[in-house]
PDB file of N, CA and C in Angstrom:
ATOM      1  N   MET A   1      23.835   4.283 -22.713  1.00  0.00           N
ATOM      2  CA  MET A   1      23.924   3.418 -21.780  1.00  0.00           C
ATOM      3  C   MET A   1      23.493   3.928 -20.490  1.00  0.00           C
ATOM      4  N   ASN A   2      23.676   5.518 -20.373  1.00  0.00           N
ATOM      5  CA  ASN A   2      23.759   6.191 -18.968  1.00  0.00           C
ATOM      6  C   ASN A   2      22.276   6.821 -18.629  1.00  0.00           C
ATOM      7  N   PHE A   3      21.423   6.530 -20.107  1.00  0.00           N
ATOM      8  CA  PHE A   3      19.973   7.132 -19.807  1.00  0.00           C
ATOM      9  C   PHE A   3      19.795   5.693 -19.435  1.00  0.00           C
ATOM     10  N   ILE A   4      19.947   4.724 -19.450  1.00  0.00           N
ATOM     11  CA  ILE A   4      18.809   3.383 -19.295  1.00  0.00           C
ATOM     12  C   ILE A   4      18.819   3.305 -17.900  1.00  0.00           C
ATOM     13  N   LEU A   5      20.473   3.237 -17.330  1.00  0.00           N
ATOM     14  CA  LEU A   5      20.602   3.284 -16.103  1.00  0.00           C
ATOM     15  C   LEU A   5      20.028   4.089 -15.259  1.00  0.00           C
ATOM     16  N   TRP A   6      20.314   5.752 -15.318  1.00  0.00           N
ATOM     17  CA  TRP A   6      19.476   6.317 -14.644  1.00  0.00           C
ATOM     18  C   TRP A   6      17.673   6.172 -14.664  1.00  0.00           C
ATOM     19  N   ASN A   7      17.404   5.803 -15.665  1.00  0.00           N
ATOM     20  CA  ASN A   7      15.931   5.317 -15.740  1.00  0.00           C
ATOM     21  C   ASN A   7      15.635   4.877 -14.796  1.00  0.00           C
ATOM     22  N   ILE A   8      16.317   3.687 -14.996  1.00  0.00           N
ATOM     23  CA  ILE A   8      16.427   2.242 -13.791  1.00  0.00           C
ATOM     24  C   ILE A   8      16.277   2.723 -12.402  1.00  0.00           C
ATOM     25  N   VAL A   9      17.028   3.669 -12.325  1.00  0.00           N
ATOM     26  CA  VAL A   9      17.581   3.684 -10.772  1.00  0.00           C
ATOM     27  C   VAL A   9      16.235   4.723 -10.512  1.00  0.00           C
ATOM     28  N   PHE A  10      16.144   5.713 -11.253  1.00  0.00           N
ATOM     29  CA  PHE A  10      15.127   6.266 -10.924  1.00  0.00           C
ATOM     30  C   PHE A  10      13.266   5.421 -10.527  1.00  0.00           C
ATOM     31  N   LEU A  11      13.381   4.881 -11.346  1.00  0.00           N
ATOM     32  CA  LEU A  11      12.151   4.204 -11.115  1.00  0.00           C
ATOM     33  C   LEU A  11      11.913   3.245  -9.793  1.00  0.00           C
ATOM     34  N   ALA A  12      12.870   2.822  -9.591  1.00  0.00           N
ATOM     35  CA  ALA A  12      13.522   1.953  -8.228  1.00  0.00           C
ATOM     36  C   ALA A  12      12.808   2.935  -6.811  1.00  0.00           C
ATOM     37  N   ASP A  13      13.735   4.311  -7.265  1.00  0.00           N
ATOM     38  CA  ASP A  13      13.475   4.946  -6.229  1.00  0.00           C
ATOM     39  C   ASP A  13      12.268   5.567  -5.961  1.00  0.00           C
ATOM     40  N   ARG A  14      11.337   5.542  -6.723  1.00  0.00           N
ATOM     41  CA  ARG A  14       9.772   6.233  -7.062  1.00  0.00           C
ATOM     42  C   ARG A  14       9.070   4.997  -6.264  1.00  0.00           C
ATOM     43  N   ILE A  15       8.137   5.280  -5.156  1.00  0.00           N
ATOM     44  CA  ILE A  15       7.092   4.069  -4.720  1.00  0.00           C
ATOM     45  C   ILE A  15       5.627   4.540  -4.930  1.00  0.00           C
ATOM     46  N   PRO A  16       5.526   4.199  -6.149  1.00  0.00           N
ATOM     47  CA  PRO A  16       3.642   4.785  -6.336  1.00  0.00           C
ATOM     48  C   PRO A  16       2.738   4.370  -4.738  1.00  0.00           C
ATOM     49  N   GLU A  17       1.875   5.190  -4.444  1.00  0.00           N
ATOM     50  CA  GLU A  17       0.945   5.033  -3.617  1.00  0.00           C
ATOM     51  C   GLU A  17      -0.500   5.691  -3.831  1.00  0.00           C
ATOM     52  N   THR A  18      -0.851   5.312  -2.994  1.00  0.00           N
ATOM     53  CA  THR A  18      -2.575   5.680  -2.724  1.00  0.00           C
ATOM     54  C   THR A  18      -2.497   5.765  -1.239  1.00  0.00           C
ATOM     55  N   VAL A  19      -3.366   7.417  -1.225  1.00  0.00           N
ATOM     56  CA  VAL A  19      -3.378   7.726   0.617  1.00  0.00           C
ATOM     57  C   VAL A  19      -5.099   7.970   0.852  1.00  0.00           C
ATOM     58  N   ALA A  20      -5.355   7.244   1.623  1.00  0.00           N
ATOM     59  CA  ALA A  20      -6.685   7.431   2.588  1.00  0.00           C
ATOM     60  C   ALA A  20      -6.520   8.711   3.858  1.00  0.00           C
ATOM     61  N   THR A  21      -6.899   9.371   4.324  1.00  0.00           N
ATOM     62  CA  THR A  21      -6.773  10.383   5.619  1.00  0.00           C
ATOM     63  C   THR A  21      -8.186  10.419   5.693  1.00  0.00           C
ATOM     64  N   SER A  22      -8.294  10.134   7.630  1.00  0.00           N
ATOM     65  CA  SER A  22      -8.863  10.284   8.391  1.00  0.00           C
ATOM     66  C   SER A  22      -9.910  11.886   8.390  1.00  0.00           C
ATOM     67  N   GLU A  23     -11.174  11.284   8.783  1.00  0.00           N
ATOM     68  CA  GLU A  23     -12.314  12.483   8.942  1.00  0.00           C
ATOM     69  C   GLU A  23     -11.701  13.663   9.409  1.00  0.00           C
ATOM     70  N   ASN A  24     -10.812  13.263  10.620  1.00  0.00           N
ATOM     71  CA  ASN A  24     -10.076  14.515  11.408  1.00  0.00           C
ATOM     72  C   ASN A  24      -8.568  15.469  10.640  1.00  0.00           C
ATOM     73  N   GLY A  25      -8.477  14.239  10.507  1.00  0.00           N
ATOM     74  CA  GLY A  25      -7.347  14.961   9.211  1.00  0.00           C
ATOM     75  C   GLY A  25      -5.717  14.672  10.020  1.00  0.00           C
ATOM     76  N   GLU A  26      -5.575  13.982  11.258  1.00  0.00           N
ATOM     77  CA  GLU A  26      -4.888  13.241  12.139  1.00  0.00           C
ATOM     78  C   GLU A  26      -4.211  12.173  11.519  1.00  0.00           C
ATOM     79  N   TYR A  27      -4.475  11.444  10.858  1.00  0.00           N
ATOM     80  CA  TYR A  27      -3.971  10.511  10.332  1.00  0.00           C
ATOM     81  C   TYR A  27      -4.385  10.272   8.635  1.00  0.00           C
ATOM     82  N   GLU A  28      -3.466   9.439   8.229  1.00  0.00           N
ATOM     83  CA  GLU A  28      -3.376   9.007   6.684  1.00  0.00           C
ATOM     84  C   GLU A  28      -2.602   7.361   7.051  1.00  0.00           C
ATOM     85  N   VAL A  29      -3.312   6.643   5.704  1.00  0.00           N
ATOM     86  CA  VAL A  29      -2.972   5.255   5.688  1.00  0.00           C
ATOM     87  C   VAL A  29      -2.355   5.206   4.383  1.00  0.00           C
ATOM     88  N   LEU A  30      -1.435   5.027   3.715  1.00  0.00           N
ATOM     89  CA  LEU A  30      -0.511   4.768   2.614  1.00  0.00           C
ATOM     90  C   LEU A  30      -0.723   3.322   2.032  1.00  0.00           C
ATOM     91  N   LEU A  31      -1.049   3.433   1.003  1.00  0.00           N
ATOM     92  CA  LEU A  31      -0.777   2.025  -0.060  1.00  0.00           C
ATOM     93  C   LEU A  31       0.232   1.916  -1.015  1.00  0.00           C
ATOM     94  N   GLN A  32       1.144   1.593  -0.709  1.00  0.00           N
ATOM     95  CA  GLN A  32       2.743   1.601  -1.681  1.00  0.00           C
ATOM     96  C   GLN A  32       2.766  -0.236  -1.663  1.00  0.00           C
ATOM     97  N   THR A  33       3.214   0.077  -3.480  1.00  0.00           N
ATOM     98  CA  THR A  33       3.564  -0.717  -4.237  1.00  0.00           C
ATOM     99  C   THR A  33       5.524  -0.800  -3.860  1.00  0.00           C
ATOM    100  N   LEU A  34       5.446  -2.168  -4.094  1.00  0.00           N
ATOM    101  CA  LEU A  34       7.272  -2.042  -3.544  1.00  0.00           C
ATOM    102  C   LEU A  34       7.334  -3.053  -5.096  1.00  0.00           C
ATOM    103  N   GLY A  35       7.942  -2.611  -6.059  1.00  0.00           N
ATOM    104  CA  GLY A  35       8.153  -3.058  -7.058  1.00  0.00           C
ATOM    105  C   GLY A  35       6.894  -3.527  -8.016  1.00  0.00           C
ATOM    106  N   SER A  36       7.090  -4.293  -9.306  1.00  0.00           N
ATOM    107  CA  SER A  36       6.271  -4.524 -10.390  1.00  0.00           C
ATOM    108  C   SER A  36       5.706  -5.777  -9.868  1.00  0.00           C
ATOM    109  N   PRO A  37       4.896  -6.218 -10.893  1.00  0.00           N
ATOM    110  CA  PRO A  37       4.618  -7.808 -10.477  1.00  0.00           C
ATOM    111  C   PRO A  37       5.368  -8.737 -11.356  1.00  0.00           C
ATOM    112  N   GLY A  38       5.384  -9.829 -10.645  1.00  0.00           N
ATOM    113  CA  GLY A  38       6.333 -10.918 -11.924  1.00  0.00           C
ATOM    114  C   GLY A  38       5.588 -11.556 -12.764  1.00  0.00           C
ATOM    115  N   TRP A  39       6.787 -11.202 -13.985  1.00  0.00           N
ATOM    116  CA  TRP A  39       6.221 -11.599 -14.896  1.00  0.00           C
ATOM    117  C   TRP A  39       5.962 -13.264 -15.608  1.00  0.00           C
ATOM    118  N   PRO A  40       4.739 -13.266 -16.242  1.00  0.00           N
ATOM    119  CA  PRO A  40       4.063 -12.532 -16.639  1.00  0.00           C
ATOM    120  C   PRO A  40       2.860 -12.292 -16.041  1.00  0.00           C
ATOM    121  N   PHE A  41       2.137 -13.121 -14.797  1.00  0.00           N
ATOM    122  CA  PHE A  41       0.753 -13.174 -14.326  1.00  0.00           C
ATOM    123  C   PHE A  41       1.625 -12.609 -12.804  1.00  0.00           C
ATOM    124  N   GLY A  42       2.351 -12.888 -11.894  1.00  0.00           N
ATOM    125  CA  GLY A  42       2.894 -13.007 -11.057  1.00  0.00           C
ATOM    126  C   GLY A  42       2.448 -12.192  -9.857  1.00  0.00           C
ATOM    127  N   PRO A  43       2.712 -12.396  -8.681  1.00  0.00           N
ATOM    128  CA  PRO A  43       1.842 -10.964  -7.381  1.00  0.00           C
ATOM    129  C   PRO A  43       2.777 -10.297  -7.553  1.00  0.00           C
ATOM    130  N   GLN A  44       2.493  -9.414  -6.734  1.00  0.00           N
ATOM    131  CA  GLN A  44       2.700  -7.575  -6.888  1.00  0.00           C
ATOM    132  C   GLN A  44       3.213  -7.572  -5.325  1.00  0.00           C
ATOM    133  N   ASP A  45       4.553  -7.268  -4.683  1.00  0.00           N
ATOM    134  CA  ASP A  45       4.552  -6.948  -3.059  1.00  0.00           C
ATOM    135  C   ASP A  45       4.268  -5.219  -3.099  1.00  0.00           C
ATOM    136  N   GLY A  46       3.618  -5.131  -1.658  1.00  0.00           N
ATOM    137  CA  GLY A  46       3.284  -3.997  -1.288  1.00  0.00           C
ATOM    138  C   GLY A  46       3.185  -3.706   0.383  1.00  0.00           C
ATOM    139  N   ARG A  47       2.818  -2.699   0.447  1.00  0.00           N
ATOM    140  CA  ARG A  47       2.517  -2.055   2.132  1.00  0.00           C
ATOM    141  C   ARG A  47       2.077  -1.086   2.542  1.00  0.00           C
ATOM    142  N   VAL A  48       1.365  -1.006   3.562  1.00  0.00           N
ATOM    143  CA  VAL A  48       0.329  -0.561   4.184  1.00  0.00           C
ATOM    144  C   VAL A  48       1.127   0.432   5.486  1.00  0.00           C
ATOM    145  N   VAL A  49       0.760   1.577   5.277  1.00  0.00           N
ATOM    146  CA  VAL A  49       1.499   2.315   6.222  1.00  0.00           C
ATOM    147  C   VAL A  49       0.561   3.361   6.742  1.00  0.00           C
ATOM    148  N   LEU A  50       0.500   3.507   8.112  1.00  0.00           N
ATOM    149  CA  LEU A  50      -0.239   3.990   9.137  1.00  0.00           C
ATOM    150  C   LEU A  50       0.540   5.743   9.498  1.00  0.00           C
ATOM    151  N   LYS A  51       0.224   6.430   9.279  1.00  0.00           N
ATOM    152  CA  LYS A  51       0.659   7.579   9.579  1.00  0.00           C
ATOM    153  C   LYS A  51      -0.059   8.387  10.700  1.00  0.00           C
ATOM    154  N   ARG A  52       0.765   9.426  11.619  1.00  0.00           N
ATOM    155  CA  ARG A  52      -0.042  10.149  12.707  1.00  0.00           C
ATOM    156  C   ARG A  52       1.091  11.969  12.399  1.00  0.00           C
ATOM    157  N   GLY A  53       0.258  12.505  12.044  1.00  0.00           N
ATOM    158  CA  GLY A  53       1.254  14.451  11.823  1.00  0.00           C
ATOM    159  C   GLY A  53       2.407  13.620  11.004  1.00  0.00           C
ATOM    160  N   GLY A  54       2.477  13.068   9.979  1.00  0.00           N
ATOM    161  CA  GLY A  54       3.885  12.981   9.076  1.00  0.00           C
ATOM    162  C   GLY A  54       4.402  11.746   9.690  1.00  0.00           C
ATOM    163  N   LYS A  55       4.647  11.148  11.025  1.00  0.00           N
ATOM    164  CA  LYS A  55       5.377  10.206  11.505  1.00  0.00           C
ATOM    165  C   LYS A  55       4.708   8.787  11.101  1.00  0.00           C
ATOM    166  N   THR A  56       5.319   7.913  10.802  1.00  0.00           N
ATOM    167  CA  THR A  56       4.973   6.540  11.060  1.00  0.00           C
ATOM    168  C   THR A  56       4.095   5.783  12.184  1.00  0.00           C
ATOM    169  N   VAL A  57       3.200   5.576  11.945  1.00  0.00           N
ATOM    170  CA  VAL A  57       2.875   4.683  13.650  1.00  0.00           C
ATOM    171  C   VAL A  57       3.174   2.969  13.517  1.00  0.00           C
ATOM    172  N   CYS A  58       2.260   2.634  12.028  1.00  0.00           N
ATOM    173  CA  CYS A  58       2.929   1.052  12.103  1.00  0.00           C
ATOM    174  C   CYS A  58       3.115   1.221  10.663  1.00  0.00           C
ATOM    175  N   LYS A  59       3.744   0.055  10.169  1.00  0.00           N
ATOM    176  CA  LYS A  59       3.326  -0.410   8.886  1.00  0.00           C
ATOM    177  C   LYS A  59       3.551  -2.026   8.384  1.00  0.00           C
ATOM    178  N   LYS A  60       2.663  -2.863   7.530  1.00  0.00           N
ATOM    179  CA  LYS A  60       2.715  -3.765   7.444  1.00  0.00           C
ATOM    180  C   LYS A  60       3.052  -4.194   5.651  1.00  0.00           C
ATOM    181  N   LYS A  61       3.861  -5.240   5.838  1.00  0.00           N
ATOM    182  CA  LYS A  61       4.094  -5.688   4.353  1.00  0.00           C
ATOM    183  C   LYS A  61       3.139  -7.171   3.836  1.00  0.00           C
ATOM    184  N   PHE A  62       2.530  -7.000   2.438  1.00  0.00           N
ATOM    185  CA  PHE A  62       1.454  -7.705   2.029  1.00  0.00           C
ATOM    186  C   PHE A  62       2.263  -8.472   0.561  1.00  0.00           C
ATOM    187  N   THR A  63       1.494  -9.277   0.106  1.00  0.00           N
ATOM    188  CA  THR A  63       1.364  -9.681  -1.511  1.00  0.00           C
ATOM    189  C   THR A  63       0.154 -10.010  -2.427  1.00  0.00           C
ATOM    190  N   LEU A  64       0.344  -8.943  -3.081  1.00  0.00           N
ATOM    191  CA  LEU A  64      -1.308  -9.224  -3.383  1.00  0.00           C
ATOM    192  C   LEU A  64      -1.231 -10.161  -5.037  1.00  0.00           C
ATOM    193  N   HIS A  65      -2.134 -11.043  -5.284  1.00  0.00           N
ATOM    194  CA  HIS A  65      -2.372 -11.985  -6.442  1.00  0.00           C
ATOM    195  C   HIS A  65      -3.090 -11.108  -7.046  1.00  0.00           C
ATOM    196  N   ASN A  66      -3.065 -10.509  -8.437  1.00  0.00           N
ATOM    197  CA  ASN A  66      -3.832  -9.892  -8.952  1.00  0.00           C
ATOM    198  C   ASN A  66      -3.607 -10.295 -10.465  1.00  0.00           C
ATOM    199  N   ASP A  67      -3.240 -11.234 -11.016  1.00  0.00           N
ATOM    200  CA  ASP A  67      -3.216 -11.338 -11.998  1.00  0.00           C
ATOM    201  C   ASP A  67      -2.397 -10.965 -13.080  1.00  0.00           C
ATOM    202  N   GLY A  68      -1.018 -10.641 -12.186  1.00  0.00           N
ATOM    203  CA  GLY A  68      -0.254  -9.747 -13.054  1.00  0.00           C
ATOM    204  C   GLY A  68      -0.085  -8.489 -13.010  1.00  0.00           C
ATOM    205  N   LYS A  69      -1.434  -7.691 -12.642  1.00  0.00           N
ATOM    206  CA  LYS A  69      -2.296  -6.603 -12.784  1.00  0.00           C
ATOM    207  C   LYS A  69      -1.368  -5.435 -11.716  1.00  0.00           C
ATOM    208  N   ASN A  70      -0.684  -4.239 -12.075  1.00  0.00           N
ATOM    209  CA  ASN A  70      -0.393  -3.146 -10.950  1.00  0.00           C
ATOM    210  C   ASN A  70      -1.161  -2.776 -10.221  1.00  0.00           C
ATOM    211  N   MET A  71      -1.015  -2.734  -8.837  1.00  0.00           N
ATOM    212  CA  MET A  71      -1.998  -2.623  -7.699  1.00  0.00           C
ATOM    213  C   MET A  71      -2.238  -0.725  -8.121  1.00  0.00           C
ATOM    214  N   THR A  72      -3.512  -0.491  -7.504  1.00  0.00           N
ATOM    215  CA  THR A  72      -4.301   0.236  -7.699  1.00  0.00           C
ATOM    216  C   THR A  72      -5.425   0.795  -6.733  1.00  0.00           C
ATOM    217  N   ASP A  73      -5.378   2.294  -6.661  1.00  0.00           N
ATOM    218  CA  ASP A  73      -6.754   2.527  -5.593  1.00  0.00           C
ATOM    219  C   ASP A  73      -7.970   1.803  -5.788  1.00  0.00           C
ATOM    220  N   ARG A  74      -7.815   0.719  -6.446  1.00  0.00           N
ATOM    221  CA  ARG A  74      -9.338  -0.360  -6.759  1.00  0.00           C
ATOM    222  C   ARG A  74      -8.777  -1.772  -5.857  1.00  0.00           C
ATOM    223  N   ASN A  75      -7.776  -1.597  -5.617  1.00  0.00           N
ATOM    224  CA  ASN A  75      -7.236  -2.922  -4.720  1.00  0.00           C
ATOM    225  C   ASN A  75      -7.433  -2.860  -3.265  1.00  0.00           C
ATOM    226  N   TRP A  76      -8.049  -1.543  -2.736  1.00  0.00           N
ATOM    227  CA  TRP A  76      -8.374  -1.549  -1.496  1.00  0.00           C
ATOM    228  C   TRP A  76      -9.056  -0.760  -0.973  1.00  0.00           C
ATOM    229  N   SER A  77      -9.585  -1.290   0.781  1.00  0.00           N
ATOM    230  CA  SER A  77     -10.768  -0.080   0.575  1.00  0.00           C
ATOM    231  C   SER A  77     -10.342   0.259   2.430  1.00  0.00           C
ATOM    232  N   VAL A  78     -10.336   1.152   2.951  1.00  0.00           N
ATOM    233  CA  VAL A  78     -10.238   1.813   4.113  1.00  0.00           C
ATOM    234  C   VAL A  78     -11.248   1.985   4.971  1.00  0.00           C
ATOM    235  N   VAL A  79     -11.076   1.502   5.990  1.00  0.00           N
ATOM    236  CA  VAL A  79     -12.431   1.735   7.260  1.00  0.00           C
ATOM    237  C   VAL A  79     -11.821   2.315   8.570  1.00  0.00           C
ATOM    238  N   TRP A  80     -12.016   3.311   9.011  1.00  0.00           N
ATOM    239  CA  TRP A  80     -11.475   4.065  10.313  1.00  0.00           C
ATOM    240  C   TRP A  80     -12.313   3.873  11.165  1.00  0.00           C
ATOM    241  N   GLU A  81     -11.747   3.439  12.329  1.00  0.00           N
ATOM    242  CA  GLU A  81     -12.713   3.069  13.824  1.00  0.00           C
ATOM    243  C   GLU A  81     -11.722   3.938  14.885  1.00  0.00           C
ATOM    244  N   SER A  82     -12.545   3.949  16.063  1.00  0.00           N
ATOM    245  CA  SER A  82     -12.159   4.852  17.215  1.00  0.00           C
ATOM    246  C   SER A  82     -10.083   4.147  17.558  1.00  0.00           C
ATOM    247  N   ALA A  83      -9.946   2.942  17.335  1.00  0.00           N
ATOM    248  CA  ALA A  83      -9.086   2.298  17.901  1.00  0.00           C
ATOM    249  C   ALA A  83      -8.319   1.838  16.869  1.00  0.00           C
ATOM    250  N   GLN A  84      -8.619   1.579  15.664  1.00  0.00           N
ATOM    251  CA  GLN A  84      -8.041   0.819  14.621  1.00  0.00           C
ATOM    252  C   GLN A  84      -8.619   1.801  13.292  1.00  0.00           C
ATOM    253  N   VAL A  85      -7.407   1.344  12.265  1.00  0.00           N
ATOM    254  CA  VAL A  85      -7.681   1.056  11.104  1.00  0.00           C
ATOM    255  C   VAL A  85      -8.015  -0.156  10.178  1.00  0.00           C
ATOM    256  N   THR A  86      -9.191  -0.678   9.591  1.00  0.00           N
ATOM    257  CA  THR A  86      -9.489  -1.589   8.539  1.00  0.00           C
ATOM    258  C   THR A  86      -8.873  -1.480   7.142  1.00  0.00           C
ATOM    259  N   VAL A  87      -7.994  -2.491   7.285  1.00  0.00           N
ATOM    260  CA  VAL A  87      -7.500  -2.066   5.502  1.00  0.00           C
ATOM    261  C   VAL A  87      -8.084  -3.513   4.945  1.00  0.00           C
ATOM    262  N   THR A  88      -8.574  -3.479   3.781  1.00  0.00           N
ATOM    263  CA  THR A  88      -8.819  -4.731   2.918  1.00  0.00           C
ATOM    264  C   THR A  88      -8.271  -4.409   1.677  1.00  0.00           C
ATOM    265  N   LEU A  89      -7.369  -5.649   1.173  1.00  0.00           N
ATOM    266  CA  LEU A  89      -6.645  -5.588   0.096  1.00  0.00           C
ATOM    267  C   LEU A  89      -7.575  -6.767  -0.581  1.00  0.00           C
ATOM    268  N   SER A  90      -7.846  -6.161  -2.015  1.00  0.00           N
ATOM    269  CA  SER A  90      -8.496  -7.431  -3.030  1.00  0.00           C
ATOM    270  C   SER A  90      -7.504  -7.636  -4.340  1.00  0.00           C
ATOM    271  N   GLY A  91      -7.676  -8.826  -4.320  1.00  0.00           N
ATOM    272  CA  GLY A  91      -6.677  -9.256  -5.988  1.00  0.00           C
ATOM    273  C   GLY A  91      -7.797 -10.343  -6.367  1.00  0.00           C
ATOM    274  N   GLU A  92      -7.297 -10.196  -8.094  1.00  0.00           N
ATOM    275  CA  GLU A  92      -8.339 -11.265  -8.715  1.00  0.00           C
ATOM    276  C   GLU A  92      -8.036 -12.748  -8.748  1.00  0.00           C
ATOM    277  N   GLU A  93      -7.035 -12.879  -7.417  1.00  0.00           N
ATOM    278  CA  GLU A  93      -6.615 -14.537  -7.600  1.00  0.00           C
ATOM    279  C   GLU A  93      -6.324 -14.677  -6.319  1.00  0.00           C
ATOM    280  N   GLN A  94      -7.365 -13.633  -5.562  1.00  0.00           N
ATOM    281  CA  GLN A  94      -6.974 -13.822  -3.755  1.00  0.00           C
ATOM    282  C   GLN A  94      -8.465 -13.746  -2.965  1.00  0.00           C
ATOM    283  N   ALA A  95      -8.563 -14.440  -2.041  1.00  0.00           N
ATOM    284  CA  ALA A  95      -9.677 -14.009  -1.100  1.00  0.00           C
ATOM    285  C   ALA A  95      -9.210 -12.857  -0.451  1.00  0.00           C
ATOM    286  N   ASP A  96     -10.242 -11.836  -0.075  1.00  0.00           N
ATOM    287  CA  ASP A  96      -9.548 -10.553   0.594  1.00  0.00           C
ATOM    288  C   ASP A  96      -9.016 -10.220   1.693  1.00  0.00           C
ATOM    289  N   LYS A  97      -7.943 -10.318   1.473  1.00  0.00           N
ATOM    290  CA  LYS A  97      -7.199  -9.634   2.833  1.00  0.00           C
ATOM    291  C   LYS A  97      -7.472  -8.844   3.557  1.00  0.00           C
ATOM    292  N   VAL A  98      -7.567  -8.856   4.948  1.00  0.00           N
ATOM    293  CA  VAL A  98      -7.840  -7.864   5.799  1.00  0.00           C
ATOM    294  C   VAL A  98      -7.039  -7.476   6.891  1.00  0.00           C
ATOM    295  N   LEU A  99      -5.771  -5.981   6.491  1.00  0.00           N
ATOM    296  CA  LEU A  99      -5.190  -5.844   8.214  1.00  0.00           C
ATOM    297  C   LEU A  99      -5.639  -4.788   9.209  1.00  0.00           C
ATOM    298  N   LYS A 100      -5.757  -4.862   9.997  1.00  0.00           N
ATOM    299  CA  LYS A 100      -6.066  -4.020  11.226  1.00  0.00           C
ATOM    300  C   LYS A 100      -4.353  -3.327  11.407  1.00  0.00           C
ATOM    301  N   LEU A 101      -4.790  -1.657  11.729  1.00  0.00           N
ATOM    302  CA  LEU A 101      -3.609  -1.374  11.993  1.00  0.00           C
ATOM    303  C   LEU A 101      -4.103  -0.226  13.062  1.00  0.00           C
ATOM    304  N   GLU A 102      -3.703  -0.869  14.659  1.00  0.00           N
ATOM    305  CA  GLU A 102      -4.114   0.384  15.451  1.00  0.00           C
ATOM    306  C   GLU A 102      -3.752   1.492  15.215  1.00  0.00           C
ATOM    307  N   ILE A 103      -4.326   2.851  16.454  1.00  0.00           N
ATOM    308  CA  ILE A 103      -4.854   3.896  15.856  1.00  0.00           C
ATOM    309  C   ILE A 103      -3.983   4.162  17.478  1.00  0.00           C
ATOM    310  N   TYR A 104      -3.105   4.798  17.755  1.00  0.00           N
ATOM    311  CA  TYR A 104      -2.470   4.876  19.548  1.00  0.00           C
ATOM    312  C   TYR A 104      -2.768   6.824  19.982  1.00  0.00           C
ATOM    313  N   GLU A 105      -3.354   6.548  21.050  1.00  0.00           N
ATOM    314  CA  GLU A 105      -4.077   7.819  21.164  1.00  0.00           C
ATOM    315  C   GLU A 105      -2.663   8.689  22.118  1.00  0.00           C
ATOM    316  N   GLY A 106      -2.615   9.710  22.346  1.00  0.00           N
ATOM    317  CA  GLY A 106      -1.473  10.061  23.203  1.00  0.00           C
ATOM    318  C   GLY A 106      -0.556  10.948  22.931  1.00  0.00           C
TER     319      GLY A 106
END
């Protein structure tokens, strides 16, 4: 019983993520999953986090409708612009969702 409890706690503390880094390496944006998709074909919660020098600049939560499949790097695309990062989230059961994260200079 202790092994099962440890395994559940361990998995809950681990947030799988995918990272995209700006050309100059100053910024990175992370796609993080928050839990598993609903059973059997439900959505999955996630968040996008923009970081500069390891510190969080902003973050946005979302729900991905992807036919019960786990979120992967195939569910997003990132476009770096001078004043923002545009993240497009794609799922099999939804129209693309676009999130814009502002880049703060200074």
